[in-house]
């Protein structure tokens, strides 16, 4: 990654102006994705830090790990949602809706597969896992609505 960035900085003055605009847009998207990922991880760490000790003391170690893995699946869900939403915003209204719905279906399939895996093949406590997953789902909805609202309003009239 560092080598790639260094190489791009060396050749940036020689890039055609149209390609430079595309490069800058992609660079901004990556910075936005990193910022979004850091925010999600920061909120997740705060959430886990607040509940870690009480859950560990009252419910035990297995409950904590169930909540932790439910949170990891939730974070993965949030990051996949960001990817699909980012792709959808670049398209017309009709394509945007198709991409958003496809993203929801893909995320639902992944969450269902992971939940079945946890229920059938692990010793994690299902109730705690599902509660953490549900909390992260609502957390995702908050982030997703804010993201879509901010980007759609920023672009004015959507295509």
Protein backbone atom coordinates (compact mmCIF):
# COMPACT_ATOMS: atom_id res chain seq x y z
CA UNK A 1 0.00 0.00 0.00
CA UNK A 2 2.77 2.45 0.95
CA UNK A 3 4.73 1.57 -2.20
CA UNK A 4 1.62 2.13 -4.34
CA UNK A 5 0.93 5.53 -2.76
CA UNK A 6 4.57 6.55 -3.16
CA UNK A 7 4.57 5.49 -6.80
CA UNK A 8 1.36 7.43 -7.45
CA UNK A 9 2.83 10.54 -5.84
CA UNK A 10 5.90 10.28 -8.08
CA UNK A 11 3.93 9.99 -11.31
CA UNK A 12 1.04 12.28 -10.34
CA UNK A 13 2.44 15.37 -12.16
CA UNK A 14 2.53 13.38 -15.43
CA UNK A 15 -1.07 12.09 -15.30
CA UNK A 16 -3.52 13.42 -17.88
CA UNK A 17 -5.92 16.00 -16.32
CA UNK A 18 -9.02 13.84 -16.89
CA UNK A 19 -7.33 10.84 -15.32
CA UNK A 20 -6.17 13.03 -12.46
CA UNK A 21 -9.80 13.93 -11.68
CA UNK A 22 -10.73 10.23 -11.61
CA UNK A 23 -7.70 9.52 -9.43
CA UNK A 24 -8.64 12.30 -6.99
CA UNK A 25 -12.25 11.06 -6.80
CA UNK A 26 -11.07 7.52 -6.03
CA UNK A 27 -8.58 8.85 -3.50
CA UNK A 28 -11.36 10.83 -1.77
CA UNK A 29 -13.59 7.73 -1.70
CA UNK A 30 -10.84 5.70 -0.05
CA UNK A 31 -10.27 8.44 2.52
CA UNK A 32 -14.03 8.53 3.19
CA UNK A 33 -14.09 4.73 3.52
CA UNK A 34 -11.18 4.79 5.98
CA UNK A 35 -12.85 7.57 7.97
CA UNK A 36 -16.14 5.64 8.01
CA UNK A 37 -14.37 2.43 9.05
CA UNK A 38 -12.51 4.21 11.85
CA UNK A 39 -15.77 5.72 13.13
CA UNK A 40 -17.51 2.34 13.10
CA UNK A 41 -14.58 0.65 14.84
CA UNK A 42 -14.31 3.45 17.40
CA UNK A 43 -18.02 3.22 18.28
CA UNK A 44 -17.72 -0.58 18.41
CA UNK A 45 -14.76 -0.43 20.77
CA UNK A 46 -16.60 2.04 23.00
CA UNK A 47 -19.68 -0.22 22.99
CA UNK A 48 -17.64 -3.32 23.84
CA UNK A 49 -15.60 -1.48 26.47
CA UNK A 50 -18.76 -0.30 28.22
CA UNK A 51 -20.32 -3.73 28.37
CA UNK A 52 -17.22 -5.93 28.72
CA UNK A 53 -16.77 -5.90 32.47
CA UNK A 54 -20.47 -6.15 33.47
CA UNK A 55 -21.12 -8.96 30.99
CA UNK A 56 -17.97 -10.81 31.97
CA UNK A 57 -18.80 -10.55 35.70
CA UNK A 58 -22.54 -11.23 35.57
CA UNK A 59 -22.94 -13.61 32.64
CA UNK A 60 -19.51 -15.13 32.20
CA UNK A 61 -16.79 -15.40 29.65
CA UNK A 62 -18.84 -17.31 27.07
CA UNK A 63 -21.50 -14.59 27.00
CA UNK A 64 -18.84 -11.94 26.44
CA UNK A 65 -17.38 -13.86 23.49
CA UNK A 66 -20.87 -14.40 22.07
CA UNK A 67 -21.48 -10.65 22.17
CA UNK A 68 -18.02 -9.97 20.76
CA UNK A 69 -18.56 -12.26 17.74
CA UNK A 70 -22.06 -10.89 17.20
CA UNK A 71 -20.50 -7.43 17.15
CA UNK A 72 -17.87 -8.53 14.61
CA UNK A 73 -20.57 -9.83 12.28
CA UNK A 74 -22.43 -6.55 12.76
CA UNK A 75 -19.33 -4.50 11.89
CA UNK A 76 -18.81 -6.60 8.76
CA UNK A 77 -22.44 -5.95 7.84
CA UNK A 78 -21.95 -2.20 8.28
CA UNK A 79 -18.84 -2.12 6.08
CA UNK A 80 -20.50 -4.16 3.31
CA UNK A 81 -23.50 -1.81 3.49
CA UNK A 82 -21.18 1.17 3.05
CA UNK A 83 -19.66 -0.41 -0.05
CA UNK A 84 -23.05 -1.08 -1.68
CA UNK A 85 -24.41 2.34 -0.73
CA UNK A 86 -21.34 4.06 -2.17
CA UNK A 87 -21.78 2.16 -5.44
CA UNK A 88 -25.51 2.96 -5.52
CA UNK A 89 -25.02 6.70 -5.14
CA UNK A 90 -23.09 6.86 -8.40
CA UNK A 91 -25.99 5.49 -10.43
CA UNK A 92 -29.37 6.74 -11.64
CA UNK A 93 -32.42 6.37 -9.39
CA UNK A 94 -33.54 3.08 -10.95
CA UNK A 95 -30.09 1.49 -10.75
CA UNK A 96 -29.58 2.97 -7.29
CA UNK A 97 -32.64 1.14 -5.96
CA UNK A 98 -31.55 -2.13 -7.58
CA UNK A 99 -28.07 -1.88 -6.06
CA UNK A 100 -29.44 -0.98 -2.61
CA UNK A 101 -31.87 -3.92 -2.70
CA UNK A 102 -29.18 -6.29 -4.00
CA UNK A 103 -26.91 -5.13 -1.19
CA UNK A 104 -29.63 -5.78 1.38
CA UNK A 105 -30.21 -9.26 -0.04
CA UNK A 106 -26.50 -10.06 -0.06
CA UNK A 107 -26.08 -8.86 3.52
CA UNK A 108 -29.14 -10.81 4.65
CA UNK A 109 -27.73 -13.99 3.05
CA UNK A 110 -24.36 -13.51 4.74
CA UNK A 111 -25.92 -12.78 8.15
CA UNK A 112 -28.22 -15.81 7.81
CA UNK A 113 -25.31 -18.09 6.89
CA UNK A 114 -23.18 -16.85 9.78
CA UNK A 115 -26.07 -17.18 12.23
CA UNK A 116 -26.75 -20.76 11.10
CA UNK A 117 -23.04 -21.50 11.43
CA UNK A 118 -23.00 -20.11 14.98
CA UNK A 119 -26.14 -22.01 15.99
CA UNK A 120 -25.04 -25.35 14.55
CA UNK A 121 -21.28 -25.46 14.94
CA UNK A 122 -20.18 -23.33 17.88
CA UNK A 123 -20.68 -23.30 21.62
CA UNK A 124 -21.51 -19.60 21.68
CA UNK A 125 -24.67 -18.55 23.44
CA UNK A 126 -27.22 -17.87 20.76
CA UNK A 127 -29.29 -15.29 22.65
CA UNK A 128 -26.32 -13.02 23.38
CA UNK A 129 -24.99 -13.42 19.85
CA UNK A 130 -28.34 -12.45 18.34
CA UNK A 131 -28.86 -9.53 20.74
CA UNK A 132 -25.46 -8.09 19.80
CA UNK A 133 -26.22 -8.65 16.13
CA UNK A 134 -29.59 -6.94 16.48
CA UNK A 135 -28.04 -3.96 18.31
CA UNK A 136 -25.49 -3.60 15.54
CA UNK A 137 -28.24 -3.84 12.96
CA UNK A 138 -29.96 -0.80 14.51
CA UNK A 139 -26.56 0.87 14.77
CA UNK A 140 -26.13 0.15 11.04
CA UNK A 141 -29.48 1.70 10.23
CA UNK A 142 -28.46 4.90 12.00
CA UNK A 143 -25.17 5.06 10.06
CA UNK A 144 -26.81 4.07 6.77
CA UNK A 145 -29.56 6.69 6.99
CA UNK A 146 -27.07 9.39 7.95
CA UNK A 147 -24.76 8.37 5.09
CA UNK A 148 -27.51 8.29 2.45
CA UNK A 149 -29.11 11.51 3.68
CA UNK A 150 -25.80 13.35 3.74
CA UNK A 151 -24.75 12.18 0.28
CA UNK A 152 -28.09 12.55 -1.45
CA UNK A 153 -28.65 16.03 -0.01
CA UNK A 154 -25.07 17.03 -0.87
CA UNK A 155 -25.56 16.04 -4.49
CA UNK A 156 -28.74 18.12 -4.86
CA UNK A 157 -31.14 16.44 -7.26
CA UNK A 158 -30.18 12.84 -7.78
CA UNK A 159 -29.80 11.59 -11.38
